[in-house]
């Protein structure tokens, strides 16, 4: 039912656009991605005039200038676009967003982060015209083990806020470093139980930072769990991460349940040098169970 449908993706974050476009292609639909709502409005109008209208618009809510709800309202004022299905994605507080969405009639939305299976279900609901919103997934239960102090190496401000909020909801503390070099500096002055390491960062990426951390640990006789964060845009990312010494691998957008399970593993199994191989084996098993086919 989805094969060949034309989808307009609107998101100001390049990583999010790449990930969503990948999800859309996996559903055998044809994505077109733009970075802001005004550009989306112009492209949707031109496509409609040309007789090739989009079958669905997939838009982020929180964008500079015109946000997703403003885009929805603008589309409804254009006769040729008024019936175009719009699915909104949001990472803001559900109740606050629900009020705005309800006031303007935007009935179809999902709470980020979102995986491919959940997105597919939301797309089908939207195309069927079901007049109900897709509420947020149940929040992960706080870990039963010890709370962790987690170093978050991530350069994107939006992703930083999202990861910190997820960690806080799970009962963990977070310290943010904007790139690999700053992460190394943080490790010199602070003690952490785990690192969430973005692979693509300016100045020093996650792979190089991990190599340096592992070199230092060989001299000290310690080992800290490092979890790779990647948009999996490049083939072989998983292998490069593990070869560099990372212990686990999470794809963006980050799945809350998968993050909770990974940190629960660390919280329940404190890592010492003799246990590092055990952690890697358990993490790889967990990854195989959680990664959708």
C-alpha atoms as a PDB file:
ATOM      1  CA  UNK A   1       0.000   0.000   0.000  1.00  0.00           C
ATOM      2  CA  UNK A   2       2.980   2.298   0.387  1.00  0.00           C
ATOM      3  CA  UNK A   3       4.970   1.380  -2.718  1.00  0.00           C
ATOM      4  CA  UNK A   4       5.712   4.401  -4.906  1.00  0.00           C
ATOM      5  CA  UNK A   5       4.056   7.012  -2.710  1.00  0.00           C
ATOM      6  CA  UNK A   6       5.760  10.409  -2.786  1.00  0.00           C
ATOM      7  CA  UNK A   7       6.775  11.757   0.635  1.00  0.00           C
ATOM      8  CA  UNK A   8       8.007  15.262   1.462  1.00  0.00           C
ATOM      9  CA  UNK A   9      10.294  15.261   4.525  1.00  0.00           C
ATOM     10  CA  UNK A  10      10.765  18.550   6.393  1.00  0.00           C
ATOM     11  CA  UNK A  11      13.444  18.796   9.091  1.00  0.00           C
ATOM     12  CA  UNK A  12      16.125  21.403   9.801  1.00  0.00           C
ATOM     13  CA  UNK A  13      18.625  18.769  11.019  1.00  0.00           C
ATOM     14  CA  UNK A  14      20.618  17.043   8.200  1.00  0.00           C
ATOM     15  CA  UNK A  15      21.056  13.854  10.232  1.00  0.00           C
ATOM     16  CA  UNK A  16      17.324  13.574  10.870  1.00  0.00           C
ATOM     17  CA  UNK A  17      16.593  14.113   7.173  1.00  0.00           C
ATOM     18  CA  UNK A  18      18.988  11.326   6.189  1.00  0.00           C
ATOM     19  CA  UNK A  19      17.560   8.909   8.727  1.00  0.00           C
ATOM     20  CA  UNK A  20      13.934   9.642   7.834  1.00  0.00           C
ATOM     21  CA  UNK A  21      14.685   9.378   4.115  1.00  0.00           C
ATOM     22  CA  UNK A  22      16.247   5.988   4.773  1.00  0.00           C
ATOM     23  CA  UNK A  23      13.170   4.822   6.668  1.00  0.00           C
ATOM     24  CA  UNK A  24      10.911   6.054   3.855  1.00  0.00           C
ATOM     25  CA  UNK A  25      12.947   4.213   1.216  1.00  0.00           C
ATOM     26  CA  UNK A  26      12.758   1.021   3.271  1.00  0.00           C
ATOM     27  CA  UNK A  27       8.971   1.352   3.040  1.00  0.00           C
ATOM     28  CA  UNK A  28       9.377   1.572  -0.774  1.00  0.00           C
ATOM     29  CA  UNK A  29       8.202   5.163  -0.888  1.00  0.00           C
ATOM     30  CA  UNK A  30       9.966   8.017  -2.679  1.00  0.00           C
ATOM     31  CA  UNK A  31      11.344  10.735  -0.344  1.00  0.00           C
ATOM     32  CA  UNK A  32      12.113  14.376  -1.068  1.00  0.00           C
ATOM     33  CA  UNK A  33      13.820  16.130   1.863  1.00  0.00           C
ATOM     34  CA  UNK A  34      13.977  19.870   2.593  1.00  0.00           C
ATOM     35  CA  UNK A  35      15.371  21.850   5.530  1.00  0.00           C
ATOM     36  CA  UNK A  36      12.614  24.326   6.390  1.00  0.00           C
ATOM     37  CA  UNK A  37       8.860  24.752   6.290  1.00  0.00           C
ATOM     38  CA  UNK A  38       8.726  27.624   3.809  1.00  0.00           C
ATOM     39  CA  UNK A  39      10.757  25.647   1.302  1.00  0.00           C
ATOM     40  CA  UNK A  40       8.427  22.702   1.868  1.00  0.00           C
ATOM     41  CA  UNK A  41       5.367  24.860   1.237  1.00  0.00           C
ATOM     42  CA  UNK A  42       6.821  26.142  -2.048  1.00  0.00           C
ATOM     43  CA  UNK A  43       7.836  22.668  -3.254  1.00  0.00           C
ATOM     44  CA  UNK A  44       4.495  21.123  -2.299  1.00  0.00           C
ATOM     45  CA  UNK A  45       2.625  23.886  -4.133  1.00  0.00           C
ATOM     46  CA  UNK A  46       4.768  23.523  -7.259  1.00  0.00           C
ATOM     47  CA  UNK A  47       4.357  19.739  -7.247  1.00  0.00           C
ATOM     48  CA  UNK A  48       0.588  20.076  -6.989  1.00  0.00           C
ATOM     49  CA  UNK A  49       0.456  22.571  -9.869  1.00  0.00           C
ATOM     50  CA  UNK A  50       2.567  20.209 -11.980  1.00  0.00           C
ATOM     51  CA  UNK A  51       0.088  17.381 -11.362  1.00  0.00           C
ATOM     52  CA  UNK A  52       2.505  15.376  -9.178  1.00  0.00           C
ATOM     53  CA  UNK A  53       1.323  16.145  -5.640  1.00  0.00           C
ATOM     54  CA  UNK A  54       2.938  14.573  -2.606  1.00  0.00           C
ATOM     55  CA  UNK A  55       0.987  11.737  -1.009  1.00  0.00           C
ATOM     56  CA  UNK A  56       2.284  12.527   2.475  1.00  0.00           C
ATOM     57  CA  UNK A  57       4.195  15.289   4.265  1.00  0.00           C
ATOM     58  CA  UNK A  58       6.408  14.165   7.136  1.00  0.00           C
ATOM     59  CA  UNK A  59       7.424  17.211   9.161  1.00  0.00           C
ATOM     60  CA  UNK A  60       9.382  17.908  12.315  1.00  0.00           C
ATOM     61  CA  UNK A  61       7.564  20.157  14.760  1.00  0.00           C
ATOM     62  CA  UNK A  62      10.424  22.138  16.321  1.00  0.00           C
ATOM     63  CA  UNK A  63      12.072  24.148  13.514  1.00  0.00           C
ATOM     64  CA  UNK A  64      13.328  27.751  13.373  1.00  0.00           C
ATOM     65  CA  UNK A  65      11.026  30.276  11.760  1.00  0.00           C
ATOM     66  CA  UNK A  66       7.911  28.388  10.718  1.00  0.00           C
ATOM     67  CA  UNK A  67       7.477  25.267  12.847  1.00  0.00           C
ATOM     68  CA  UNK A  68       5.619  22.100  11.923  1.00  0.00           C
ATOM     69  CA  UNK A  69       2.204  23.209  13.169  1.00  0.00           C
ATOM     70  CA  UNK A  70       2.523  26.536  11.343  1.00  0.00           C
ATOM     71  CA  UNK A  71       3.356  24.554   8.197  1.00  0.00           C
ATOM     72  CA  UNK A  72       0.279  22.382   8.744  1.00  0.00           C
ATOM     73  CA  UNK A  73      -1.909  25.490   9.053  1.00  0.00           C
ATOM     74  CA  UNK A  74      -0.356  27.051   5.935  1.00  0.00           C
ATOM     75  CA  UNK A  75      -0.998  23.885   3.922  1.00  0.00           C
ATOM     76  CA  UNK A  76      -4.641  23.877   4.970  1.00  0.00           C
ATOM     77  CA  UNK A  77      -5.061  27.404   3.588  1.00  0.00           C
ATOM     78  CA  UNK A  78      -3.993  26.274   0.080  1.00  0.00           C
ATOM     79  CA  UNK A  79      -6.983  24.575  -1.637  1.00  0.00           C
ATOM     80  CA  UNK A  80      -4.862  22.147  -3.651  1.00  0.00           C
ATOM     81  CA  UNK A  81      -2.909  21.085  -0.535  1.00  0.00           C
ATOM     82  CA  UNK A  82      -5.648  21.180   2.090  1.00  0.00           C
ATOM     83  CA  UNK A  83      -6.279  17.425   1.909  1.00  0.00           C
ATOM     84  CA  UNK A  84      -2.618  16.357   1.894  1.00  0.00           C
ATOM     85  CA  UNK A  85      -1.959  14.051   4.872  1.00  0.00           C
ATOM     86  CA  UNK A  86       0.563  15.518   7.320  1.00  0.00           C
ATOM     87  CA  UNK A  87       2.393  13.502   9.978  1.00  0.00           C
ATOM     88  CA  UNK A  88       4.233  15.567  12.588  1.00  0.00           C
ATOM     89  CA  UNK A  89       7.217  14.413  14.656  1.00  0.00           C
ATOM     90  CA  UNK A  90       7.996  16.050  17.966  1.00  0.00           C
ATOM     91  CA  UNK A  91      10.363  15.572  20.884  1.00  0.00           C
ATOM     92  CA  UNK A  92       8.798  18.281  23.079  1.00  0.00           C
ATOM     93  CA  UNK A  93       6.537  17.715  26.079  1.00  0.00           C
ATOM     94  CA  UNK A  94       3.557  15.683  24.933  1.00  0.00           C
ATOM     95  CA  UNK A  95       0.849  17.594  26.780  1.00  0.00           C
ATOM     96  CA  UNK A  96       2.071  20.995  25.583  1.00  0.00           C
ATOM     97  CA  UNK A  97       2.299  19.850  22.001  1.00  0.00           C
ATOM     98  CA  UNK A  98      -1.065  18.064  22.146  1.00  0.00           C
ATOM     99  CA  UNK A  99      -2.824  21.309  23.049  1.00  0.00           C
ATOM    100  CA  UNK A 100      -1.412  23.153  20.024  1.00  0.00           C
ATOM    101  CA  UNK A 101      -2.023  20.215  17.715  1.00  0.00           C
ATOM    102  CA  UNK A 102      -5.581  19.826  18.902  1.00  0.00           C
ATOM    103  CA  UNK A 103      -6.365  23.522  18.477  1.00  0.00           C
ATOM    104  CA  UNK A 104      -5.416  23.475  14.792  1.00  0.00           C
ATOM    105  CA  UNK A 105      -6.682  19.969  13.981  1.00  0.00           C
ATOM    106  CA  UNK A 106      -3.302  18.295  13.485  1.00  0.00           C
ATOM    107  CA  UNK A 107      -4.415  14.835  14.598  1.00  0.00           C
ATOM    108  CA  UNK A 108      -1.486  12.762  13.367  1.00  0.00           C
ATOM    109  CA  UNK A 109       1.833  12.866  15.178  1.00  0.00           C
ATOM    110  CA  UNK A 110       4.438  10.714  16.887  1.00  0.00           C
ATOM    111  CA  UNK A 111       6.904  11.375  19.684  1.00  0.00           C
ATOM    112  CA  UNK A 112      10.603  11.146  18.835  1.00  0.00           C
ATOM    113  CA  UNK A 113      12.860   9.252  18.894  1.00  0.00           C
ATOM    114  CA  UNK A 114      11.086   6.881  16.518  1.00  0.00           C
ATOM    115  CA  UNK A 115      12.121   3.624  14.860  1.00  0.00           C
ATOM    116  CA  UNK A 116      11.213   2.374  11.364  1.00  0.00           C
ATOM    117  CA  UNK A 117       8.440   0.016  12.522  1.00  0.00           C
ATOM    118  CA  UNK A 118       6.734   2.702  14.611  1.00  0.00           C
ATOM    119  CA  UNK A 119       7.035   5.210  11.770  1.00  0.00           C
ATOM    120  CA  UNK A 120       5.461   2.757   9.337  1.00  0.00           C
ATOM    121  CA  UNK A 121       2.489   2.239  11.663  1.00  0.00           C
ATOM    122  CA  UNK A 122       2.074   6.010  12.050  1.00  0.00           C
ATOM    123  CA  UNK A 123       2.239   6.525   8.281  1.00  0.00           C
ATOM    124  CA  UNK A 124      -0.454   3.904   7.712  1.00  0.00           C
ATOM    125  CA  UNK A 125      -2.697   5.477  10.349  1.00  0.00           C
ATOM    126  CA  UNK A 126      -2.210   8.900   8.793  1.00  0.00           C
ATOM    127  CA  UNK A 127      -2.952   7.717   5.257  1.00  0.00           C
ATOM    128  CA  UNK A 128      -6.067   5.913   6.483  1.00  0.00           C
ATOM    129  CA  UNK A 129      -7.228   9.196   7.999  1.00  0.00           C
ATOM    130  CA  UNK A 130      -7.680   7.855  11.505  1.00  0.00           C
ATOM    131  CA  UNK A 131      -8.542  10.918  13.576  1.00  0.00           C
ATOM    132  CA  UNK A 132      -6.471  10.145  16.599  1.00  0.00           C
ATOM    133  CA  UNK A 133      -2.958  11.060  17.624  1.00  0.00           C
ATOM    134  CA  UNK A 134      -0.237   8.531  18.225  1.00  0.00           C
ATOM    135  CA  UNK A 135       0.688   9.112  21.858  1.00  0.00           C
ATOM    136  CA  UNK A 136       4.174   8.634  23.241  1.00  0.00           C
ATOM    137  CA  UNK A 137       5.583   5.207  23.926  1.00  0.00           C
ATOM    138  CA  UNK A 138       5.694   4.204  27.575  1.00  0.00           C
ATOM    139  CA  UNK A 139       8.639   5.771  29.309  1.00  0.00           C
ATOM    140  CA  UNK A 140      11.419   3.317  30.191  1.00  0.00           C
ATOM    141  CA  UNK A 141      11.467   2.329  33.825  1.00  0.00           C
ATOM    142  CA  UNK A 142      14.424   3.800  35.735  1.00  0.00           C
ATOM    143  CA  UNK A 143      17.242   1.301  36.028  1.00  0.00           C
ATOM    144  CA  UNK A 144      17.186  -0.986  39.016  1.00  0.00           C
ATOM    145  CA  UNK A 145      20.980  -0.959  39.272  1.00  0.00           C
ATOM    146  CA  UNK A 146      23.192   1.872  40.371  1.00  0.00           C
ATOM    147  CA  UNK A 147      22.737   5.299  38.744  1.00  0.00           C
ATOM    148  CA  UNK A 148      25.431   6.036  36.193  1.00  0.00           C
ATOM    149  CA  UNK A 149      27.445   9.148  35.442  1.00  0.00           C
ATOM    150  CA  UNK A 150      27.509   9.285  31.651  1.00  0.00           C
ATOM    151  CA  UNK A 151      29.734  11.391  29.408  1.00  0.00           C
ATOM    152  CA  UNK A 152      27.824  12.413  26.269  1.00  0.00           C
ATOM    153  CA  UNK A 153      30.179  13.234  23.371  1.00  0.00           C
ATOM    154  CA  UNK A 154      27.889  14.891  20.809  1.00  0.00           C
ATOM    155  CA  UNK A 155      28.267  18.096  18.783  1.00  0.00           C
ATOM    156  CA  UNK A 156      24.626  18.661  17.788  1.00  0.00           C
ATOM    157  CA  UNK A 157      22.781  20.839  20.315  1.00  0.00           C
ATOM    158  CA  UNK A 158      19.378  19.253  19.651  1.00  0.00           C
ATOM    159  CA  UNK A 159      20.771  15.749  20.068  1.00  0.00           C
ATOM    160  CA  UNK A 160      22.590  16.835  23.228  1.00  0.00           C
ATOM    161  CA  UNK A 161      19.338  17.992  24.834  1.00  0.00           C
ATOM    162  CA  UNK A 162      17.505  14.855  23.762  1.00  0.00           C
ATOM    163  CA  UNK A 163      20.145  12.459  25.099  1.00  0.00           C
ATOM    164  CA  UNK A 164      20.501  14.348  28.387  1.00  0.00           C
ATOM    165  CA  UNK A 165      16.735  14.301  28.895  1.00  0.00           C
ATOM    166  CA  UNK A 166      16.576  10.551  28.211  1.00  0.00           C
ATOM    167  CA  UNK A 167      19.410   9.884  30.651  1.00  0.00           C
ATOM    168  CA  UNK A 168      17.778  11.989  33.358  1.00  0.00           C
ATOM    169  CA  UNK A 169      14.476  10.144  32.950  1.00  0.00           C
ATOM    170  CA  UNK A 170      16.372   6.888  33.447  1.00  0.00           C
ATOM    171  CA  UNK A 171      17.896   8.185  36.668  1.00  0.00           C
ATOM    172  CA  UNK A 172      21.395   8.811  35.329  1.00  0.00           C
ATOM    173  CA  UNK A 173      23.542  11.960  35.378  1.00  0.00           C
ATOM    174  CA  UNK A 174      24.991  13.417  32.167  1.00  0.00           C
ATOM    175  CA  UNK A 175      27.970  15.599  31.277  1.00  0.00           C
ATOM    176  CA  UNK A 176      28.159  16.916  27.699  1.00  0.00           C
ATOM    177  CA  UNK A 177      31.291  17.296  25.568  1.00  0.00           C
ATOM    178  CA  UNK A 178      30.942  18.919  22.144  1.00  0.00           C
ATOM    179  CA  UNK A 179      33.537  16.764  20.355  1.00  0.00           C
ATOM    180  CA  UNK A 180      36.080  13.997  20.880  1.00  0.00           C
ATOM    181  CA  UNK A 181      38.823  16.324  22.048  1.00  0.00           C
ATOM    182  CA  UNK A 182      36.598  17.816  24.746  1.00  0.00           C
ATOM    183  CA  UNK A 183      35.553  14.310  25.765  1.00  0.00           C
ATOM    184  CA  UNK A 184      39.218  13.409  26.367  1.00  0.00           C
ATOM    185  CA  UNK A 185      39.630  16.543  28.463  1.00  0.00           C
ATOM    186  CA  UNK A 186      36.533  15.658  30.504  1.00  0.00           C
ATOM    187  CA  UNK A 187      37.955  12.206  31.228  1.00  0.00           C
ATOM    188  CA  UNK A 188      41.126  13.794  32.602  1.00  0.00           C
ATOM    189  CA  UNK A 189      39.208  15.730  35.245  1.00  0.00           C
ATOM    190  CA  UNK A 190      36.136  13.574  35.923  1.00  0.00           C
ATOM    191  CA  UNK A 191      35.105   9.985  36.613  1.00  0.00           C
ATOM    192  CA  UNK A 192      32.424   8.395  34.429  1.00  0.00           C
ATOM    193  CA  UNK A 193      30.681   5.033  34.289  1.00  0.00           C
ATOM    194  CA  UNK A 194      30.016   5.091  30.541  1.00  0.00           C
ATOM    195  CA  UNK A 195      30.434   7.208  27.414  1.00  0.00           C
ATOM    196  CA  UNK A 196      27.875   7.827  24.679  1.00  0.00           C
ATOM    197  CA  UNK A 197      30.136   8.652  21.738  1.00  0.00           C
ATOM    198  CA  UNK A 198      28.892  10.234  18.508  1.00  0.00           C
ATOM    199  CA  UNK A 199      30.915   8.983  15.554  1.00  0.00           C
ATOM    200  CA  UNK A 200      30.834  12.144  13.423  1.00  0.00           C
ATOM    201  CA  UNK A 201      32.092  15.233  15.260  1.00  0.00           C
ATOM    202  CA  UNK A 202      34.305  18.226  14.332  1.00  0.00           C
ATOM    203  CA  UNK A 203      37.949  18.458  15.452  1.00  0.00           C
ATOM    204  CA  UNK A 204      37.996  14.844  16.624  1.00  0.00           C
ATOM    205  CA  UNK A 205      35.423  12.180  15.800  1.00  0.00           C
ATOM    206  CA  UNK A 206      34.249   9.390  18.038  1.00  0.00           C
ATOM    207  CA  UNK A 207      36.376   6.651  16.463  1.00  0.00           C
ATOM    208  CA  UNK A 208      39.645   8.530  16.979  1.00  0.00           C
ATOM    209  CA  UNK A 209      38.650   9.576  20.505  1.00  0.00           C
ATOM    210  CA  UNK A 210      37.874   5.954  21.365  1.00  0.00           C
ATOM    211  CA  UNK A 211      41.243   4.766  20.069  1.00  0.00           C
ATOM    212  CA  UNK A 212      43.010   7.307  22.281  1.00  0.00           C
ATOM    213  CA  UNK A 213      40.926   6.349  25.308  1.00  0.00           C
ATOM    214  CA  UNK A 214      41.741   2.664  24.825  1.00  0.00           C
ATOM    215  CA  UNK A 215      45.462   3.423  24.436  1.00  0.00           C
ATOM    216  CA  UNK A 216      45.428   5.338  27.717  1.00  0.00           C
ATOM    217  CA  UNK A 217      43.500   2.579  29.466  1.00  0.00           C
ATOM    218  CA  UNK A 218      46.032  -0.066  28.483  1.00  0.00           C
ATOM    219  CA  UNK A 219      48.600   1.810  30.555  1.00  0.00           C
ATOM    220  CA  UNK A 220      46.211   2.385  33.481  1.00  0.00           C
ATOM    221  CA  UNK A 221      44.616  -1.084  33.548  1.00  0.00           C
ATOM    222  CA  UNK A 222      41.044   0.246  33.366  1.00  0.00           C
ATOM    223  CA  UNK A 223      38.224   0.152  30.820  1.00  0.00           C
ATOM    224  CA  UNK A 224      35.123   2.339  30.510  1.00  0.00           C
ATOM    225  CA  UNK A 225      32.134   1.173  28.424  1.00  0.00           C
ATOM    226  CA  UNK A 226      31.826   3.246  25.235  1.00  0.00           C
ATOM    227  CA  UNK A 227      28.558   3.199  23.287  1.00  0.00           C
ATOM    228  CA  UNK A 228      28.684   4.460  19.704  1.00  0.00           C
ATOM    229  CA  UNK A 229      25.987   6.830  18.445  1.00  0.00           C
ATOM    230  CA  UNK A 230      25.659   6.957  14.677  1.00  0.00           C
ATOM    231  CA  UNK A 231      23.150   7.761  11.971  1.00  0.00           C
ATOM    232  CA  UNK A 232      24.437   4.659  10.130  1.00  0.00           C
ATOM    233  CA  UNK A 233      24.801   6.727   6.963  1.00  0.00           C
ATOM    234  CA  UNK A 234      28.077   5.011   6.016  1.00  0.00           C
ATOM    235  CA  UNK A 235      28.362   1.284   5.342  1.00  0.00           C
ATOM    236  CA  UNK A 236      30.703  -0.395   7.813  1.00  0.00           C
ATOM    237  CA  UNK A 237      30.126   2.054  10.687  1.00  0.00           C
ATOM    238  CA  UNK A 238      29.362  -0.769  13.108  1.00  0.00           C
ATOM    239  CA  UNK A 239      32.583  -2.606  12.267  1.00  0.00           C
ATOM    240  CA  UNK A 240      34.722   0.540  12.533  1.00  0.00           C
ATOM    241  CA  UNK A 241      33.212   1.373  15.911  1.00  0.00           C
ATOM    242  CA  UNK A 242      33.883  -2.069  17.351  1.00  0.00           C
ATOM    243  CA  UNK A 243      37.372  -2.237  15.855  1.00  0.00           C
ATOM    244  CA  UNK A 244      38.197   1.086  17.529  1.00  0.00           C
ATOM    245  CA  UNK A 245      37.253  -0.420  20.890  1.00  0.00           C
ATOM    246  CA  UNK A 246      33.631   0.611  21.367  1.00  0.00           C
ATOM    247  CA  UNK A 247      31.477  -1.857  23.282  1.00  0.00           C
ATOM    248  CA  UNK A 248      28.057  -1.265  21.790  1.00  0.00           C
ATOM    249  CA  UNK A 249      26.320   0.537  18.940  1.00  0.00           C
ATOM    250  CA  UNK A 250      23.098   2.613  18.964  1.00  0.00           C
ATOM    251  CA  UNK A 251      21.553   4.102  15.825  1.00  0.00           C
ATOM    252  CA  UNK A 252      20.021   7.567  15.661  1.00  0.00           C
ATOM    253  CA  UNK A 253      17.301   8.556  16.324  1.00  0.00           C
ATOM    254  CA  UNK A 254      18.027   6.870  19.644  1.00  0.00           C
ATOM    255  CA  UNK A 255      15.429   4.349  20.749  1.00  0.00           C
ATOM    256  CA  UNK A 256      14.586   4.979  24.412  1.00  0.00           C
ATOM    257  CA  UNK A 257      14.027   1.320  25.230  1.00  0.00           C
ATOM    258  CA  UNK A 258      17.282   0.240  23.613  1.00  0.00           C
ATOM    259  CA  UNK A 259      19.227   2.950  25.445  1.00  0.00           C
ATOM    260  CA  UNK A 260      17.594   1.905  28.723  1.00  0.00           C
ATOM    261  CA  UNK A 261      18.472  -1.756  28.150  1.00  0.00           C
ATOM    262  CA  UNK A 262      22.078  -0.956  27.253  1.00  0.00           C
ATOM    263  CA  UNK A 263      22.642   1.233  30.314  1.00  0.00           C
ATOM    264  CA  UNK A 264      20.878  -1.287  32.541  1.00  0.00           C
ATOM    265  CA  UNK A 265      23.414  -3.857  31.361  1.00  0.00           C
ATOM    266  CA  UNK A 266      26.245  -1.549  32.363  1.00  0.00           C
ATOM    267  CA  UNK A 267      24.611  -0.601  35.661  1.00  0.00           C
ATOM    268  CA  UNK A 268      24.119  -4.239  36.552  1.00  0.00           C
ATOM    269  CA  UNK A 269      27.576  -5.358  35.409  1.00  0.00           C
ATOM    270  CA  UNK A 270      30.296  -2.945  36.600  1.00  0.00           C
ATOM    271  CA  UNK A 271      33.159  -3.187  34.134  1.00  0.00           C
ATOM    272  CA  UNK A 272      36.661  -4.140  35.255  1.00  0.00           C
ATOM    273  CA  UNK A 273      39.475  -5.117  32.862  1.00  0.00           C
ATOM    274  CA  UNK A 274      38.725  -8.817  33.291  1.00  0.00           C
ATOM    275  CA  UNK A 275      35.041  -8.268  32.473  1.00  0.00           C
ATOM    276  CA  UNK A 276      35.449  -6.190  29.324  1.00  0.00           C
ATOM    277  CA  UNK A 277      35.141  -9.139  26.936  1.00  0.00           C
ATOM    278  CA  UNK A 278      32.050 -10.344  28.775  1.00  0.00           C
ATOM    279  CA  UNK A 279      30.447  -6.897  28.392  1.00  0.00           C
ATOM    280  CA  UNK A 280      31.224  -6.821  24.680  1.00  0.00           C
ATOM    281  CA  UNK A 281      29.746 -10.287  24.154  1.00  0.00           C
ATOM    282  CA  UNK A 282      26.612  -9.412  26.114  1.00  0.00           C
ATOM    283  CA  UNK A 283      26.246  -6.085  24.289  1.00  0.00           C
ATOM    284  CA  UNK A 284      26.549  -7.745  20.892  1.00  0.00           C
ATOM    285  CA  UNK A 285      23.872 -10.287  21.892  1.00  0.00           C
ATOM    286  CA  UNK A 286      21.632  -7.464  23.100  1.00  0.00           C
ATOM    287  CA  UNK A 287      22.200  -5.562  19.848  1.00  0.00           C
ATOM    288  CA  UNK A 288      21.193  -8.590  17.766  1.00  0.00           C
ATOM    289  CA  UNK A 289      17.980  -8.926  19.764  1.00  0.00           C
ATOM    290  CA  UNK A 290      17.029  -5.235  19.589  1.00  0.00           C
ATOM    291  CA  UNK A 291      18.008  -4.370  16.011  1.00  0.00           C
ATOM    292  CA  UNK A 292      15.019  -4.771  13.663  1.00  0.00           C
ATOM    293  CA  UNK A 293      15.549  -6.890  10.501  1.00  0.00           C
END
